[in-house]
Amino acid sequence: MTEQQLFTQLSTDAGITAITNEIYNGDLPESVTLPAVTMAFQGDEPINTLSGDTGRTRARYQINAWASTYSDAQALRVAIQQCMINSSRITAQPAHEEEISLFRYAIDYYIFQ
């Protein structure tokens, strides 16, 4: 799956779009309406064999669920995980920016390309 295909998958998923249409590749814009989703490429590892590089990679992407309440962030996390059910989830980490009342789940996936 390419980065564009991942973005399309997230932005057309019924479970996610029932919660938000705010989906971004990269950083969360400052004036965004919450809840929102961001995705970011984190790096990749080549898939090698004894014959050398296969030209395929295992890419790591972070998909973030952003919301102004913890329950909204959780609901968006669940929707993202359902959308990505066929990908290898690495971890899901909650975070809270108390000063600005911003809740986030950072969910990392391996995606084979």
PDB file of N, CA and C in Angstrom:
ATOM      1  N   MET A   1       0.848  -1.172   0.000  1.00  0.00           N
ATOM      2  CA  MET A   1       0.000   0.000   0.000  1.00  0.00           C
ATOM      3  C   MET A   1       0.898   1.241   0.000  1.00  0.00           C
ATOM      4  N   THR A   2       0.602   2.173  -0.867  1.00  0.00           N
ATOM      5  CA  THR A   2       1.367   3.414  -0.919  1.00  0.00           C
ATOM      6  C   THR A   2       0.818   4.414   0.108  1.00  0.00           C
ATOM      7  N   GLU A   3       1.544   5.498   0.314  1.00  0.00           N
ATOM      8  CA  GLU A   3       1.101   6.542   1.229  1.00  0.00           C
ATOM      9  C   GLU A   3      -0.229   7.140   0.766  1.00  0.00           C
ATOM     10  N   GLN A   4      -0.370   7.361  -0.537  1.00  0.00           N
ATOM     11  CA  GLN A   4      -1.625   7.908  -1.073  1.00  0.00           C
ATOM     12  C   GLN A   4      -2.774   6.921  -0.870  1.00  0.00           C
ATOM     13  N   GLN A   5      -2.508   5.634  -1.041  1.00  0.00           N
ATOM     14  CA  GLN A   5      -3.547   4.632  -0.816  1.00  0.00           C
ATOM     15  C   GLN A   5      -3.965   4.587   0.649  1.00  0.00           C
ATOM     16  N   LEU A   6      -3.004   4.742   1.552  1.00  0.00           N
ATOM     17  CA  LEU A   6      -3.326   4.787   2.981  1.00  0.00           C
ATOM     18  C   LEU A   6      -4.206   5.992   3.279  1.00  0.00           C
ATOM     19  N   PHE A   7      -3.846   7.148   2.756  1.00  0.00           N
ATOM     20  CA  PHE A   7      -4.647   8.347   2.973  1.00  0.00           C
ATOM     21  C   PHE A   7      -6.064   8.148   2.435  1.00  0.00           C
ATOM     22  N   THR A   8      -6.183   7.582   1.252  1.00  0.00           N
ATOM     23  CA  THR A   8      -7.497   7.329   0.664  1.00  0.00           C
ATOM     24  C   THR A   8      -8.299   6.358   1.517  1.00  0.00           C
ATOM     25  N   GLN A   9      -7.654   5.315   2.010  1.00  0.00           N
ATOM     26  CA  GLN A   9      -8.337   4.341   2.862  1.00  0.00           C
ATOM     27  C   GLN A   9      -8.898   5.022   4.109  1.00  0.00           C
ATOM     28  N   LEU A  10      -8.094   5.868   4.757  1.00  0.00           N
ATOM     29  CA  LEU A  10      -8.549   6.552   5.962  1.00  0.00           C
ATOM     30  C   LEU A  10      -9.664   7.555   5.662  1.00  0.00           C
ATOM     31  N   SER A  11      -9.505   8.304   4.566  1.00  0.00           N
ATOM     32  CA  SER A  11     -10.451   9.390   4.273  1.00  0.00           C
ATOM     33  C   SER A  11     -11.761   8.915   3.661  1.00  0.00           C
ATOM     34  N   THR A  12     -11.843   7.654   3.278  1.00  0.00           N
ATOM     35  CA  THR A  12     -13.097   7.138   2.713  1.00  0.00           C
ATOM     36  C   THR A  12     -13.750   6.078   3.602  1.00  0.00           C
ATOM     37  N   ASP A  13     -13.152   5.789   4.741  1.00  0.00           N
ATOM     38  CA  ASP A  13     -13.706   4.780   5.635  1.00  0.00           C
ATOM     39  C   ASP A  13     -14.961   5.322   6.328  1.00  0.00           C
ATOM     40  N   ALA A  14     -16.041   4.573   6.259  1.00  0.00           N
ATOM     41  CA  ALA A  14     -17.321   5.020   6.820  1.00  0.00           C
ATOM     42  C   ALA A  14     -17.258   5.228   8.331  1.00  0.00           C
ATOM     43  N   GLY A  15     -16.530   4.371   9.032  1.00  0.00           N
ATOM     44  CA  GLY A  15     -16.424   4.512  10.484  1.00  0.00           C
ATOM     45  C   GLY A  15     -15.705   5.784  10.893  1.00  0.00           C
ATOM     46  N   ILE A  16     -14.649   6.125  10.163  1.00  0.00           N
ATOM     47  CA  ILE A  16     -13.903   7.349  10.461  1.00  0.00           C
ATOM     48  C   ILE A  16     -14.694   8.578  10.037  1.00  0.00           C
ATOM     49  N   THR A  17     -15.250   8.561   8.822  1.00  0.00           N
ATOM     50  CA  THR A  17     -15.965   9.741   8.331  1.00  0.00           C
ATOM     51  C   THR A  17     -17.281   9.988   9.071  1.00  0.00           C
ATOM     52  N   ALA A  18     -17.779   8.983   9.791  1.00  0.00           N
ATOM     53  CA  ALA A  18     -18.942   9.208  10.648  1.00  0.00           C
ATOM     54  C   ALA A  18     -18.566  10.084  11.841  1.00  0.00           C
ATOM     55  N   ILE A  19     -17.277  10.096  12.175  1.00  0.00           N
ATOM     56  CA  ILE A  19     -16.783  10.890  13.304  1.00  0.00           C
ATOM     57  C   ILE A  19     -16.177  12.204  12.844  1.00  0.00           C
ATOM     58  N   THR A  20     -15.403  12.159  11.744  1.00  0.00           N
ATOM     59  CA  THR A  20     -14.738  13.365  11.257  1.00  0.00           C
ATOM     60  C   THR A  20     -14.407  13.260   9.777  1.00  0.00           C
ATOM     61  N   ASN A  21     -14.337  14.412   9.125  1.00  0.00           N
ATOM     62  CA  ASN A  21     -13.831  14.504   7.757  1.00  0.00           C
ATOM     63  C   ASN A  21     -12.494  15.241   7.745  1.00  0.00           C
ATOM     64  N   GLU A  22     -11.976  15.550   8.920  1.00  0.00           N
ATOM     65  CA  GLU A  22     -10.701  16.260   9.073  1.00  0.00           C
ATOM     66  C   GLU A  22      -9.584  15.223   9.104  1.00  0.00           C
ATOM     67  N   ILE A  23      -8.978  14.944   7.949  1.00  0.00           N
ATOM     68  CA  ILE A  23      -7.926  13.935   7.824  1.00  0.00           C
ATOM     69  C   ILE A  23      -6.771  14.574   7.074  1.00  0.00           C
ATOM     70  N   TYR A  24      -5.574  14.501   7.671  1.00  0.00           N
ATOM     71  CA  TYR A  24      -4.410  15.201   7.124  1.00  0.00           C
ATOM     72  C   TYR A  24      -3.213  14.280   7.024  1.00  0.00           C
ATOM     73  N   ASN A  25      -2.434  14.469   5.974  1.00  0.00           N
ATOM     74  CA  ASN A  25      -1.151  13.792   5.835  1.00  0.00           C
ATOM     75  C   ASN A  25      -0.101  14.776   6.328  1.00  0.00           C
ATOM     76  N   GLY A  26       0.437  14.542   7.504  1.00  0.00           N
ATOM     77  CA  GLY A  26       1.415  15.452   8.103  1.00  0.00           C
ATOM     78  C   GLY A  26       0.924  15.968   9.449  1.00  0.00           C
ATOM     79  N   ASP A  27       1.317  17.197   9.760  1.00  0.00           N
ATOM     80  CA  ASP A  27       1.004  17.789  11.063  1.00  0.00           C
ATOM     81  C   ASP A  27      -0.456  18.215  11.160  1.00  0.00           C
ATOM     82  N   LEU A  28      -0.929  18.322  12.393  1.00  0.00           N
ATOM     83  CA  LEU A  28      -2.266  18.811  12.665  1.00  0.00           C
ATOM     84  C   LEU A  28      -2.272  20.328  12.475  1.00  0.00           C
ATOM     85  N   PRO A  29      -3.117  20.848  11.578  1.00  0.00           N
ATOM     86  CA  PRO A  29      -3.176  22.308  11.401  1.00  0.00           C
ATOM     87  C   PRO A  29      -3.618  23.008  12.687  1.00  0.00           C
ATOM     88  N   GLU A  30      -3.179  24.235  12.877  1.00  0.00           N
ATOM     89  CA  GLU A  30      -3.498  24.974  14.103  1.00  0.00           C
ATOM     90  C   GLU A  30      -4.988  25.271  14.247  1.00  0.00           C
ATOM     91  N   SER A  31      -5.660  25.577  13.169  1.00  0.00           N
ATOM     92  CA  SER A  31      -7.065  25.979  13.251  1.00  0.00           C
ATOM     93  C   SER A  31      -8.022  24.860  12.857  1.00  0.00           C
ATOM     94  N   VAL A  32      -7.653  23.641  13.159  1.00  0.00           N
ATOM     95  CA  VAL A  32      -8.454  22.483  12.765  1.00  0.00           C
ATOM     96  C   VAL A  32      -9.682  22.339  13.662  1.00  0.00           C
ATOM     97  N   THR A  33     -10.736  21.788  13.088  1.00  0.00           N
ATOM     98  CA  THR A  33     -11.917  21.418  13.852  1.00  0.00           C
ATOM     99  C   THR A  33     -11.723  19.989  14.336  1.00  0.00           C
ATOM    100  N   LEU A  34     -11.867  19.771  15.630  1.00  0.00           N
ATOM    101  CA  LEU A  34     -11.697  18.438  16.208  1.00  0.00           C
ATOM    102  C   LEU A  34     -13.029  17.727  16.267  1.00  0.00           C
ATOM    103  N   PRO A  35     -13.033  16.400  16.222  1.00  0.00           N
ATOM    104  CA  PRO A  35     -11.901  15.483  16.146  1.00  0.00           C
ATOM    105  C   PRO A  35     -11.272  15.488  14.755  1.00  0.00           C
ATOM    106  N   ALA A  36     -10.035  14.967  14.702  1.00  0.00           N
ATOM    107  CA  ALA A  36      -9.282  14.933  13.451  1.00  0.00           C
ATOM    108  C   ALA A  36      -8.320  13.749  13.453  1.00  0.00           C
ATOM    109  N   VAL A  37      -7.854  13.410  12.254  1.00  0.00           N
ATOM    110  CA  VAL A  37      -6.890  12.327  12.066  1.00  0.00           C
ATOM    111  C   VAL A  37      -5.687  12.890  11.316  1.00  0.00           C
ATOM    112  N   THR A  38      -4.490  12.521  11.773  1.00  0.00           N
ATOM    113  CA  THR A  38      -3.282  12.810  11.009  1.00  0.00           C
ATOM    114  C   THR A  38      -2.543  11.500  10.791  1.00  0.00           C
ATOM    115  N   MET A  39      -1.786  11.470   9.705  1.00  0.00           N
ATOM    116  CA  MET A  39      -0.933  10.312   9.433  1.00  0.00           C
ATOM    117  C   MET A  39       0.440  10.825   9.045  1.00  0.00           C
ATOM    118  N   ALA A  40       1.476  10.047   9.383  1.00  0.00           N
ATOM    119  CA  ALA A  40       2.834  10.473   9.057  1.00  0.00           C
ATOM    120  C   ALA A  40       3.723   9.256   8.838  1.00  0.00           C
ATOM    121  N   PHE A  41       4.513   9.322   7.779  1.00  0.00           N
ATOM    122  CA  PHE A  41       5.505   8.290   7.482  1.00  0.00           C
ATOM    123  C   PHE A  41       6.613   8.391   8.523  1.00  0.00           C
ATOM    124  N   GLN A  42       6.985   7.258   9.147  1.00  0.00           N
ATOM    125  CA  GLN A  42       7.997   7.240  10.195  1.00  0.00           C
ATOM    126  C   GLN A  42       9.319   6.634   9.737  1.00  0.00           C
ATOM    127  N   GLY A  43       9.313   5.930   8.622  1.00  0.00           N
ATOM    128  CA  GLY A  43      10.515   5.281   8.111  1.00  0.00           C
ATOM    129  C   GLY A  43      10.172   3.917   7.544  1.00  0.00           C
ATOM    130  N   ASP A  44      11.199   3.264   6.974  1.00  0.00           N
ATOM    131  CA  ASP A  44      10.945   1.930   6.441  1.00  0.00           C
ATOM    132  C   ASP A  44      12.187   1.063   6.571  1.00  0.00           C
ATOM    133  N   GLU A  45      11.957  -0.221   6.373  1.00  0.00           N
ATOM    134  CA  GLU A  45      13.019  -1.220   6.405  1.00  0.00           C
ATOM    135  C   GLU A  45      12.922  -2.025   5.123  1.00  0.00           C
ATOM    136  N   PRO A  46      14.048  -2.260   4.442  1.00  0.00           N
ATOM    137  CA  PRO A  46      13.986  -3.069   3.224  1.00  0.00           C
ATOM    138  C   PRO A  46      13.679  -4.517   3.570  1.00  0.00           C
ATOM    139  N   ILE A  47      13.013  -5.189   2.649  1.00  0.00           N
ATOM    140  CA  ILE A  47      12.773  -6.623   2.785  1.00  0.00           C
ATOM    141  C   ILE A  47      13.824  -7.306   1.920  1.00  0.00           C
ATOM    142  N   ASN A  48      14.761  -7.958   2.565  1.00  0.00           N
ATOM    143  CA  ASN A  48      15.884  -8.588   1.875  1.00  0.00           C
ATOM    144  C   ASN A  48      15.745 -10.108   1.892  1.00  0.00           C
ATOM    145  N   THR A  49      16.400 -10.723   0.936  1.00  0.00           N
ATOM    146  CA  THR A  49      16.526 -12.177   0.891  1.00  0.00           C
ATOM    147  C   THR A  49      18.017 -12.492   0.779  1.00  0.00           C
ATOM    148  N   LEU A  50      18.366 -13.747   0.686  1.00  0.00           N
ATOM    149  CA  LEU A  50      19.766 -14.113   0.499  1.00  0.00           C
ATOM    150  C   LEU A  50      20.304 -13.576  -0.826  1.00  0.00           C
ATOM    151  N   SER A  51      19.418 -13.283  -1.761  1.00  0.00           N
ATOM    152  CA  SER A  51      19.822 -12.727  -3.053  1.00  0.00           C
ATOM    153  C   SER A  51      19.940 -11.212  -3.029  1.00  0.00           C
ATOM    154  N   GLY A  52      19.573 -10.585  -1.913  1.00  0.00           N
ATOM    155  CA  GLY A  52      19.696  -9.129  -1.804  1.00  0.00           C
ATOM    156  C   GLY A  52      18.351  -8.441  -1.619  1.00  0.00           C
ATOM    157  N   ASP A  53      18.341  -7.159  -1.934  1.00  0.00           N
ATOM    158  CA  ASP A  53      17.165  -6.306  -1.775  1.00  0.00           C
ATOM    159  C   ASP A  53      16.073  -6.726  -2.750  1.00  0.00           C
ATOM    160  N   THR A  54      14.851  -6.911  -2.243  1.00  0.00           N
ATOM    161  CA  THR A  54      13.726  -7.337  -3.077  1.00  0.00           C
ATOM    162  C   THR A  54      13.014  -6.152  -3.731  1.00  0.00           C
ATOM    163  N   GLY A  55      13.337  -4.938  -3.303  1.00  0.00           N
ATOM    164  CA  GLY A  55      12.638  -3.763  -3.799  1.00  0.00           C
ATOM    165  C   GLY A  55      11.364  -3.467  -3.024  1.00  0.00           C
ATOM    166  N   ARG A  56      11.041  -4.295  -2.050  1.00  0.00           N
ATOM    167  CA  ARG A  56       9.864  -4.089  -1.200  1.00  0.00           C
ATOM    168  C   ARG A  56      10.328  -3.610   0.165  1.00  0.00           C
ATOM    169  N   THR A  57       9.435  -2.921   0.869  1.00  0.00           N
ATOM    170  CA  THR A  57       9.773  -2.409   2.198  1.00  0.00           C
ATOM    171  C   THR A  57       8.644  -2.669   3.181  1.00  0.00           C
ATOM    172  N   ARG A  58       9.011  -2.603   4.438  1.00  0.00           N
ATOM    173  CA  ARG A  58       8.042  -2.598   5.534  1.00  0.00           C
ATOM    174  C   ARG A  58       8.080  -1.176   6.083  1.00  0.00           C
ATOM    175  N   ALA A  59       7.082  -0.384   5.696  1.00  0.00           N
ATOM    176  CA  ALA A  59       7.025   1.020   6.095  1.00  0.00           C
ATOM    177  C   ALA A  59       6.281   1.160   7.414  1.00  0.00           C
ATOM    178  N   ARG A  60       6.726   2.116   8.230  1.00  0.00           N
ATOM    179  CA  ARG A  60       6.065   2.392   9.498  1.00  0.00           C
ATOM    180  C   ARG A  60       5.362   3.741   9.395  1.00  0.00           C
ATOM    181  N   TYR A  61       4.068   3.730   9.694  1.00  0.00           N
ATOM    182  CA  TYR A  61       3.264   4.944   9.697  1.00  0.00           C
ATOM    183  C   TYR A  61       2.650   5.143  11.073  1.00  0.00           C
ATOM    184  N   GLN A  62       2.548   6.400  11.471  1.00  0.00           N
ATOM    185  CA  GLN A  62       1.832   6.737  12.698  1.00  0.00           C
ATOM    186  C   GLN A  62       0.535   7.425  12.295  1.00  0.00           C
ATOM    187  N   ILE A  63      -0.559   6.903  12.810  1.00  0.00           N
ATOM    188  CA  ILE A  63      -1.874   7.496  12.584  1.00  0.00           C
ATOM    189  C   ILE A  63      -2.357   8.012  13.938  1.00  0.00           C
ATOM    190  N   ASN A  64      -2.703   9.302  13.976  1.00  0.00           N
ATOM    191  CA  ASN A  64      -3.082   9.944  15.233  1.00  0.00           C
ATOM    192  C   ASN A  64      -4.568  10.280  15.245  1.00  0.00           C
ATOM    193  N   ALA A  65      -5.209   9.968  16.357  1.00  0.00           N
ATOM    194  CA  ALA A  65      -6.600  10.352  16.607  1.00  0.00           C
ATOM    195  C   ALA A  65      -6.567  11.531  17.571  1.00  0.00           C
ATOM    196  N   TRP A  66      -7.049  12.681  17.138  1.00  0.00           N
ATOM    197  CA  TRP A  66      -7.046  13.911  17.943  1.00  0.00           C
ATOM    198  C   TRP A  66      -8.469  14.290  18.305  1.00  0.00           C
ATOM    199  N   ALA A  67      -8.682  14.715  19.550  1.00  0.00           N
ATOM    200  CA  ALA A  67     -10.021  15.144  19.970  1.00  0.00           C
ATOM    201  C   ALA A  67      -9.916  16.063  21.188  1.00  0.00           C
ATOM    202  N   SER A  68     -11.008  16.733  21.482  1.00  0.00           N
ATOM    203  CA  SER A  68     -11.029  17.628  22.638  1.00  0.00           C
ATOM    204  C   SER A  68     -11.503  16.921  23.902  1.00  0.00           C
ATOM    205  N   THR A  69     -11.981  15.676  23.761  1.00  0.00           N
ATOM    206  CA  THR A  69     -12.337  14.878  24.933  1.00  0.00           C
ATOM    207  C   THR A  69     -11.712  13.497  24.813  1.00  0.00           C
ATOM    208  N   TYR A  70     -11.486  12.879  25.950  1.00  0.00           N
ATOM    209  CA  TYR A  70     -10.895  11.546  25.964  1.00  0.00           C
ATOM    210  C   TYR A  70     -11.799  10.539  25.272  1.00  0.00           C
ATOM    211  N   SER A  71     -13.113  10.618  25.525  1.00  0.00           N
ATOM    212  CA  SER A  71     -14.031   9.650  24.920  1.00  0.00           C
ATOM    213  C   SER A  71     -14.086   9.803  23.402  1.00  0.00           C
ATOM    214  N   ASP A  72     -14.006  11.027  22.885  1.00  0.00           N
ATOM    215  CA  ASP A  72     -13.982  11.225  21.433  1.00  0.00           C
ATOM    216  C   ASP A  72     -12.688  10.670  20.830  1.00  0.00           C
ATOM    217  N   ALA A  73     -11.567  10.849  21.526  1.00  0.00           N
ATOM    218  CA  ALA A  73     -10.289  10.297  21.047  1.00  0.00           C
ATOM    219  C   ALA A  73     -10.345   8.776  21.016  1.00  0.00           C
ATOM    220  N   GLN A  74     -10.956   8.186  22.048  1.00  0.00           N
ATOM    221  CA  GLN A  74     -11.102   6.728  22.084  1.00  0.00           C
ATOM    222  C   GLN A  74     -11.989   6.221  20.949  1.00  0.00           C
ATOM    223  N   ALA A  75     -13.089   6.893  20.696  1.00  0.00           N
ATOM    224  CA  ALA A  75     -13.992   6.473  19.624  1.00  0.00           C
ATOM    225  C   ALA A  75     -13.289   6.548  18.272  1.00  0.00           C
ATOM    226  N   LEU A  76     -12.505   7.594  18.059  1.00  0.00           N
ATOM    227  CA  LEU A  76     -11.785   7.727  16.807  1.00  0.00           C
ATOM    228  C   LEU A  76     -10.681   6.679  16.695  1.00  0.00           C
ATOM    229  N   ARG A  77     -10.018   6.368  17.814  1.00  0.00           N
ATOM    230  CA  ARG A  77      -9.001   5.302  17.830  1.00  0.00           C
ATOM    231  C   ARG A  77      -9.617   3.971  17.410  1.00  0.00           C
ATOM    232  N   VAL A  78     -10.772   3.650  17.948  1.00  0.00           N
ATOM    233  CA  VAL A  78     -11.458   2.401  17.606  1.00  0.00           C
ATOM    234  C   VAL A  78     -11.805   2.382  16.117  1.00  0.00           C
ATOM    235  N   ALA A  79     -12.289   3.501  15.585  1.00  0.00           N
ATOM    236  CA  ALA A  79     -12.632   3.571  14.164  1.00  0.00           C
ATOM    237  C   ALA A  79     -11.391   3.379  13.288  1.00  0.00           C
ATOM    238  N   ILE A  80     -10.282   3.985  13.685  1.00  0.00           N
ATOM    239  CA  ILE A  80      -9.027   3.828  12.933  1.00  0.00           C
ATOM    240  C   ILE A  80      -8.580   2.369  12.964  1.00  0.00           C
ATOM    241  N   GLN A  81      -8.625   1.756  14.124  1.00  0.00           N
ATOM    242  CA  GLN A  81      -8.183   0.370  14.243  1.00  0.00           C
ATOM    243  C   GLN A  81      -9.080  -0.569  13.435  1.00  0.00           C
ATOM    244  N   GLN A  82     -10.370  -0.280  13.346  1.00  0.00           N
ATOM    245  CA  GLN A  82     -11.257  -1.094  12.506  1.00  0.00           C
ATOM    246  C   GLN A  82     -10.928  -0.898  11.036  1.00  0.00           C
ATOM    247  N   CYS A  83     -10.626   0.329  10.649  1.00  0.00           N
ATOM    248  CA  CYS A  83     -10.250   0.623   9.266  1.00  0.00           C
ATOM    249  C   CYS A  83      -8.952  -0.087   8.875  1.00  0.00           C
ATOM    250  N   MET A  84      -8.041  -0.187   9.827  1.00  0.00           N
ATOM    251  CA  MET A  84      -6.710  -0.747   9.577  1.00  0.00           C
ATOM    252  C   MET A  84      -6.599  -2.198  10.011  1.00  0.00           C
ATOM    253  N   ILE A  85      -7.710  -2.897  10.126  1.00  0.00           N
ATOM    254  CA  ILE A  85      -7.747  -4.260  10.672  1.00  0.00           C
ATOM    255  C   ILE A  85      -6.830  -5.228   9.927  1.00  0.00           C
ATOM    256  N   ASN A  86      -6.565  -4.989   8.650  1.00  0.00           N
ATOM    257  CA  ASN A  86      -5.720  -5.899   7.881  1.00  0.00           C
ATOM    258  C   ASN A  86      -4.251  -5.499   7.857  1.00  0.00           C
ATOM    259  N   SER A  87      -3.877  -4.498   8.650  1.00  0.00           N
ATOM    260  CA  SER A  87      -2.478  -4.067   8.739  1.00  0.00           C
ATOM    261  C   SER A  87      -1.908  -4.467  10.094  1.00  0.00           C
ATOM    262  N   SER A  88      -0.591  -4.536  10.183  1.00  0.00           N
ATOM    263  CA  SER A  88       0.076  -4.946  11.418  1.00  0.00           C
ATOM    264  C   SER A  88       0.209  -3.759  12.366  1.00  0.00           C
ATOM    265  N   ARG A  89      -0.618  -3.762  13.426  1.00  0.00           N
ATOM    266  CA  ARG A  89      -0.541  -2.686  14.417  1.00  0.00           C
ATOM    267  C   ARG A  89       0.625  -2.956  15.345  1.00  0.00           C
ATOM    268  N   ILE A  90       1.425  -1.926  15.584  1.00  0.00           N
ATOM    269  CA  ILE A  90       2.581  -2.050  16.467  1.00  0.00           C
ATOM    270  C   ILE A  90       2.212  -1.631  17.879  1.00  0.00           C
ATOM    271  N   THR A  91       1.624  -0.454  18.007  1.00  0.00           N
ATOM    272  CA  THR A  91       1.312   0.077  19.327  1.00  0.00           C
ATOM    273  C   THR A  91       0.260   1.168  19.227  1.00  0.00           C
ATOM    274  N   ALA A  92      -0.413   1.438  20.334  1.00  0.00           N
ATOM    275  CA  ALA A  92      -1.324   2.579  20.456  1.00  0.00           C
ATOM    276  C   ALA A  92      -1.007   3.250  21.789  1.00  0.00           C
ATOM    277  N   GLN A  93      -0.624   4.514  21.719  1.00  0.00           N
ATOM    278  CA  GLN A  93      -0.215   5.258  22.917  1.00  0.00           C
ATOM    279  C   GLN A  93      -1.134   6.447  23.137  1.00  0.00           C
ATOM    280  N   PRO A  94      -1.752   6.575  24.321  1.00  0.00           N
ATOM    281  CA  PRO A  94      -2.557   7.766  24.596  1.00  0.00           C
ATOM    282  C   PRO A  94      -1.661   8.925  25.045  1.00  0.00           C
ATOM    283  N   ALA A  95      -2.123  10.148  24.778  1.00  0.00           N
ATOM    284  CA  ALA A  95      -1.420  11.345  25.229  1.00  0.00           C
ATOM    285  C   ALA A  95      -2.465  12.409  25.540  1.00  0.00           C
ATOM    286  N   HIS A  96      -2.114  13.325  26.447  1.00  0.00           N
ATOM    287  CA  HIS A  96      -3.038  14.378  26.840  1.00  0.00           C
ATOM    288  C   HIS A  96      -2.265  15.674  27.016  1.00  0.00           C
ATOM    289  N   GLU A  97      -2.677  16.701  26.283  1.00  0.00           N
ATOM    290  CA  GLU A  97      -2.112  18.041  26.432  1.00  0.00           C
ATOM    291  C   GLU A  97      -3.063  18.816  27.329  1.00  0.00           C
ATOM    292  N   GLU A  98      -2.845  18.739  28.635  1.00  0.00           N
ATOM    293  CA  GLU A  98      -3.781  19.275  29.614  1.00  0.00           C
ATOM    294  C   GLU A  98      -4.025  20.776  29.461  1.00  0.00           C
ATOM    295  N   GLU A  99      -2.970  21.541  29.168  1.00  0.00           N
ATOM    296  CA  GLU A  99      -3.095  22.993  29.089  1.00  0.00           C
ATOM    297  C   GLU A  99      -4.054  23.433  27.981  1.00  0.00           C
ATOM    298  N   ILE A 100      -4.131  22.663  26.907  1.00  0.00           N
ATOM    299  CA  ILE A 100      -4.978  23.047  25.778  1.00  0.00           C
ATOM    300  C   ILE A 100      -6.129  22.069  25.554  1.00  0.00           C
ATOM    301  N   SER A 101      -6.375  21.201  26.513  1.00  0.00           N
ATOM    302  CA  SER A 101      -7.466  20.220  26.446  1.00  0.00           C
ATOM    303  C   SER A 101      -7.483  19.466  25.118  1.00  0.00           C
ATOM    304  N   LEU A 102      -6.347  18.848  24.805  1.00  0.00           N
ATOM    305  CA  LEU A 102      -6.218  18.091  23.568  1.00  0.00           C
ATOM    306  C   LEU A 102      -5.834  16.658  23.908  1.00  0.00           C
ATOM    307  N   PHE A 103      -6.619  15.715  23.421  1.00  0.00           N
ATOM    308  CA  PHE A 103      -6.371  14.302  23.647  1.00  0.00           C
ATOM    309  C   PHE A 103      -5.943  13.667  22.335  1.00  0.00           C
ATOM    310  N   ARG A 104      -5.025  12.687  22.434  1.00  0.00           N
ATOM    311  CA  ARG A 104      -4.509  12.055  21.224  1.00  0.00           C
ATOM    312  C   ARG A 104      -4.191  10.597  21.493  1.00  0.00           C
ATOM    313  N   TYR A 105      -4.439   9.775  20.495  1.00  0.00           N
ATOM    314  CA  TYR A 105      -3.915   8.418  20.445  1.00  0.00           C
ATOM    315  C   TYR A 105      -2.976   8.344  19.256  1.00  0.00           C
ATOM    316  N   ALA A 106      -1.748   7.911  19.492  1.00  0.00           N
ATOM    317  CA  ALA A 106      -0.783   7.678  18.420  1.00  0.00           C
ATOM    318  C   ALA A 106      -0.748   6.177  18.172  1.00  0.00           C
ATOM    319  N   ILE A 107      -1.144   5.774  16.975  1.00  0.00           N
ATOM    320  CA  ILE A 107      -1.243   4.359  16.634  1.00  0.00           C
ATOM    321  C   ILE A 107      -0.262   4.091  15.495  1.00  0.00           C
ATOM    322  N   ASP A 108       0.689   3.200  15.743  1.00  0.00           N
ATOM    323  CA  ASP A 108       1.710   2.883  14.748  1.00  0.00           C
ATOM    324  C   ASP A 108       1.397   1.569  14.048  1.00  0.00           C
ATOM    325  N   TYR A 109       1.624   1.566  12.722  1.00  0.00           N
ATOM    326  CA  TYR A 109       1.372   0.396  11.891  1.00  0.00           C
ATOM    327  C   TYR A 109       2.563   0.118  10.995  1.00  0.00           C
ATOM    328  N   TYR A 110       2.771  -1.162  10.701  1.00  0.00           N
ATOM    329  CA  TYR A 110       3.657  -1.562   9.614  1.00  0.00           C
ATOM    330  C   TYR A 110       2.792  -1.794   8.389  1.00  0.00           C
ATOM    331  N   ILE A 111       3.221  -1.234   7.269  1.00  0.00           N
ATOM    332  CA  ILE A 111       2.515  -1.408   6.017  1.00  0.00           C
ATOM    333  C   ILE A 111       3.536  -1.857   4.973  1.00  0.00           C
ATOM    334  N   PHE A 112       3.255  -2.974   4.342  1.00  0.00           N
ATOM    335  CA  PHE A 112       4.176  -3.515   3.357  1.00  0.00           C
ATOM    336  C   PHE A 112       3.960  -2.856   2.010  1.00  0.00           C
ATOM    337  N   GLN A 113       5.070  -2.442   1.402  1.00  0.00           N
ATOM    338  CA  GLN A 113       4.995  -1.736   0.122  1.00  0.00           C
ATOM    339  C   GLN A 113       5.849  -2.459  -0.896  1.00  0.00           C
TER     340      GLN A 113
END
